[in-house]
N, C-alpha and C. Protein backbone atom coordinates (compact mmCIF):
# COMPACT_ATOMS: atom_id res chain seq x y z
N MET A 1 0.88 -1.29 0.05
CA MET A 1 0.05 0.10 0.04
C MET A 1 1.00 1.28 0.07
N ALA A 2 2.04 1.29 0.21
CA ALA A 2 3.13 2.45 0.42
C ALA A 2 2.77 3.28 -0.94
N GLY A 3 2.62 4.61 -0.73
CA GLY A 3 2.29 5.32 -1.74
C GLY A 3 1.02 5.39 -2.49
N SER A 4 0.08 4.87 -1.72
CA SER A 4 -1.04 4.58 -2.63
C SER A 4 -2.20 5.75 -2.25
N LEU A 5 -1.81 6.87 -1.42
CA LEU A 5 -2.45 7.97 -1.31
C LEU A 5 -1.90 8.87 -2.13
N ASP A 6 -0.66 8.78 -2.62
CA ASP A 6 -0.07 9.88 -3.60
C ASP A 6 1.16 9.64 -3.90
N HIS A 7 1.65 9.48 -4.85
CA HIS A 7 2.76 8.66 -5.46
C HIS A 7 3.94 10.01 -5.19
N HIS A 8 3.61 11.43 -5.24
CA HIS A 8 4.54 12.38 -4.48
C HIS A 8 4.55 12.43 -3.26
N ALA A 9 3.69 12.06 -2.41
CA ALA A 9 3.93 12.17 -0.97
C ALA A 9 5.24 11.61 -0.46
N GLU A 10 6.01 12.08 0.57
CA GLU A 10 7.26 11.62 1.02
C GLU A 10 7.12 11.48 2.17
N VAL A 11 7.94 10.48 3.22
CA VAL A 11 7.62 10.40 4.54
C VAL A 11 7.61 11.65 5.52
N LEU A 12 7.07 11.87 6.31
CA LEU A 12 6.53 13.03 7.04
C LEU A 12 6.02 14.22 6.57
N ASP A 13 5.64 13.95 5.27
CA ASP A 13 4.77 15.10 4.67
C ASP A 13 3.55 15.23 5.56
N LEU A 14 3.08 16.25 5.76
CA LEU A 14 1.81 16.63 6.26
C LEU A 14 0.56 16.04 5.62
N VAL A 15 -0.40 15.61 6.01
CA VAL A 15 -1.77 15.23 5.26
C VAL A 15 -2.76 15.68 5.47
N LEU A 16 -3.48 16.36 4.91
CA LEU A 16 -4.96 17.24 5.22
C LEU A 16 -6.01 16.57 5.10
N PHE A 17 -7.19 16.30 5.93
CA PHE A 17 -8.17 15.89 5.58
C PHE A 17 -9.16 16.78 6.32
N ASN A 18 -10.91 16.80 5.78
CA ASN A 18 -11.55 17.47 6.18
C ASN A 18 -12.86 16.86 5.48
N ARG A 19 -13.88 17.57 5.78
CA ARG A 19 -15.45 17.02 5.33
C ARG A 19 -15.69 17.79 3.99
N SER A 20 -14.69 18.69 3.88
CA SER A 20 -14.96 19.46 2.33
C SER A 20 -13.42 19.59 2.01
N GLU A 21 -13.47 20.04 0.92
CA GLU A 21 -12.03 20.66 0.53
C GLU A 21 -11.32 21.90 0.61
N ASP A 22 -12.10 22.36 1.47
CA ASP A 22 -11.54 23.77 2.47
C ASP A 22 -10.61 23.30 3.52
N PRO A 23 -9.26 24.01 3.15
CA PRO A 23 -8.34 23.31 4.12
C PRO A 23 -8.56 24.02 5.49
N TYR A 24 -9.30 24.96 5.66
CA TYR A 24 -9.83 25.64 6.92
C TYR A 24 -10.18 24.71 7.69
N GLY A 25 -9.39 24.72 8.95
CA GLY A 25 -9.83 23.75 9.95
C GLY A 25 -9.71 22.08 9.55
N ALA A 26 -8.77 22.01 9.05
CA ALA A 26 -8.66 20.41 8.31
C ALA A 26 -7.65 19.86 9.64
N HIS A 27 -7.81 18.54 9.58
CA HIS A 27 -7.47 17.51 10.53
C HIS A 27 -5.82 17.33 9.82
N VAL A 28 -4.97 17.12 10.58
CA VAL A 28 -3.57 17.20 10.09
C VAL A 28 -2.83 15.87 10.62
N GLY A 29 -2.33 14.93 9.76
CA GLY A 29 -1.64 13.95 10.12
C GLY A 29 -0.50 13.59 9.28
N LEU A 30 0.53 12.93 9.96
CA LEU A 30 2.12 12.71 9.12
C LEU A 30 2.00 11.40 8.41
N TRP A 31 2.28 11.60 7.05
CA TRP A 31 2.66 10.47 6.25
C TRP A 31 3.87 9.48 6.45
N THR A 32 3.29 8.26 6.62
CA THR A 32 4.50 7.43 7.50
C THR A 32 5.12 6.39 6.36
N GLY A 33 4.78 6.58 4.79
CA GLY A 33 5.04 6.10 3.88
C GLY A 33 4.06 5.02 3.38
N GLU A 34 3.22 4.44 4.31
CA GLU A 34 2.10 3.60 3.98
C GLU A 34 0.86 4.00 4.57
N ALA A 35 0.81 4.96 5.44
CA ALA A 35 -0.55 5.25 6.27
C ALA A 35 -0.15 6.84 7.07
N VAL A 36 -1.13 6.97 7.63
CA VAL A 36 -1.08 8.43 8.34
C VAL A 36 -1.07 8.14 9.48
N ALA A 37 -0.29 8.91 10.43
CA ALA A 37 -0.27 8.83 11.75
C ALA A 37 -0.73 10.40 12.43
N HIS A 38 -1.75 9.97 13.16
CA HIS A 38 -2.33 11.59 13.69
C HIS A 38 -3.21 10.98 15.06
N LEU A 39 -3.33 12.60 15.75
CA LEU A 39 -4.04 12.45 16.95
C LEU A 39 -5.65 12.20 16.76
N CYS A 40 -6.19 11.34 17.26
CA CYS A 40 -7.46 10.75 17.05
C CYS A 40 -8.52 11.11 18.44
N GLU A 41 -9.00 12.03 18.43
CA GLU A 41 -9.85 12.04 19.46
C GLU A 41 -10.82 11.18 19.61
N GLU A 42 -11.32 10.68 18.22
CA GLU A 42 -12.42 9.64 18.69
C GLU A 42 -11.93 8.06 19.22
N VAL A 43 -10.66 7.98 19.28
CA VAL A 43 -9.98 6.93 19.67
C VAL A 43 -9.43 7.29 21.14
N GLY A 44 -9.04 8.41 21.21
CA GLY A 44 -8.29 8.98 22.87
C GLY A 44 -6.91 8.90 22.59
N HIS A 45 -6.11 8.77 21.45
CA HIS A 45 -4.82 8.54 21.58
C HIS A 45 -4.09 8.49 20.22
N PRO A 46 -2.86 8.63 19.78
CA PRO A 46 -2.45 8.54 18.46
C PRO A 46 -2.65 7.25 18.06
N VAL A 47 -3.19 7.28 16.73
CA VAL A 47 -2.91 6.14 15.89
C VAL A 47 -2.29 6.32 14.52
N VAL A 48 -2.50 5.10 14.06
CA VAL A 48 -1.85 5.04 12.55
C VAL A 48 -2.79 4.45 11.67
N TRP A 49 -3.79 5.03 10.84
CA TRP A 49 -4.78 4.56 9.90
C TRP A 49 -4.20 4.64 8.40
N HIS A 50 -4.57 3.70 7.91
CA HIS A 50 -4.77 3.60 6.37
C HIS A 50 -5.89 4.63 5.59
N GLN A 51 -5.91 4.41 4.38
CA GLN A 51 -7.05 5.57 3.93
C GLN A 51 -8.35 5.25 4.19
N SER A 52 -8.31 3.66 3.96
CA SER A 52 -9.70 3.34 4.28
C SER A 52 -10.50 3.81 5.65
N GLU A 53 -9.77 3.96 6.33
CA GLU A 53 -10.34 4.37 7.85
C GLU A 53 -10.49 5.73 8.04
N PHE A 54 -9.91 6.72 6.89
CA PHE A 54 -10.42 7.98 6.64
C PHE A 54 -11.45 7.93 5.91
N ASP A 55 -11.77 7.27 4.96
CA ASP A 55 -12.71 7.05 4.08
C ASP A 55 -14.19 6.76 4.87
N ALA A 56 -14.15 5.81 5.86
CA ALA A 56 -15.27 5.57 6.41
C ALA A 56 -15.62 6.58 7.55
N ARG A 57 -15.07 7.65 7.81
CA ARG A 57 -15.80 8.79 8.39
C ARG A 57 -15.93 10.00 7.96
N GLU A 58 -17.09 10.65 8.06
CA GLU A 58 -17.60 11.85 7.11
C GLU A 58 -16.81 13.13 7.32
N ARG A 59 -16.08 13.09 8.46
CA ARG A 59 -15.56 14.42 8.91
C ARG A 59 -13.83 14.37 8.18
N TYR A 60 -13.46 13.07 7.77
CA TYR A 60 -12.16 12.97 7.22
C TYR A 60 -12.41 12.44 5.84
N ALA A 61 -13.63 12.79 5.01
CA ALA A 61 -13.97 12.03 3.92
C ALA A 61 -13.11 12.44 2.76
N VAL A 62 -12.50 13.87 2.85
CA VAL A 62 -11.96 14.47 1.60
C VAL A 62 -10.18 14.75 2.00
N ARG A 63 -9.59 14.13 1.26
CA ARG A 63 -8.36 14.59 1.56
C ARG A 63 -7.63 15.70 0.82
N VAL A 64 -7.50 16.83 1.52
CA VAL A 64 -7.22 17.94 0.75
C VAL A 64 -6.02 18.13 -0.04
N GLY A 65 -4.94 17.41 0.70
CA GLY A 65 -3.68 17.58 0.10
C GLY A 65 -2.66 17.33 1.36
N PHE A 66 -1.50 17.30 0.44
CA PHE A 66 -0.29 17.34 1.26
C PHE A 66 0.49 18.46 1.35
N LYS A 67 1.16 18.75 2.35
CA LYS A 67 2.29 19.94 2.54
C LYS A 67 3.54 19.23 3.25
N ARG A 68 4.39 19.93 2.40
CA ARG A 68 5.83 19.40 2.99
C ARG A 68 6.50 20.40 3.54
N PRO A 69 6.87 20.68 4.94
CA PRO A 69 7.42 21.57 5.59
C PRO A 69 8.80 21.83 5.16
N ALA A 70 8.90 23.59 5.04
CA ALA A 70 10.20 23.86 4.32
C ALA A 70 11.53 23.70 5.63
N ALA A 71 12.60 23.22 5.24
CA ALA A 71 13.85 23.07 5.96
C ALA A 71 14.11 24.49 6.32
N ARG A 72 14.42 24.44 7.80
CA ARG A 72 15.18 25.66 7.96
C ARG A 72 16.65 25.61 8.30
N HIS A 73 17.58 26.45 7.56
CA HIS A 73 19.12 25.89 7.76
C HIS A 73 19.58 27.09 8.70
């Protein structure tokens, strides 16, 4: 399943999920290379989910996109 979310995503890229394509208020996770690590209020602790687990929840139904934090030197 590696890379199944987006072939351009790199490990530790931020992944944004929301109910709509609006990035405002989006839920943020970290791409692990195979899944997304995120803090999950529903479960009560950090979890690692595959895309199907996000798809099953309306509030995470839309993957808004990926962001790569800029390195500071």
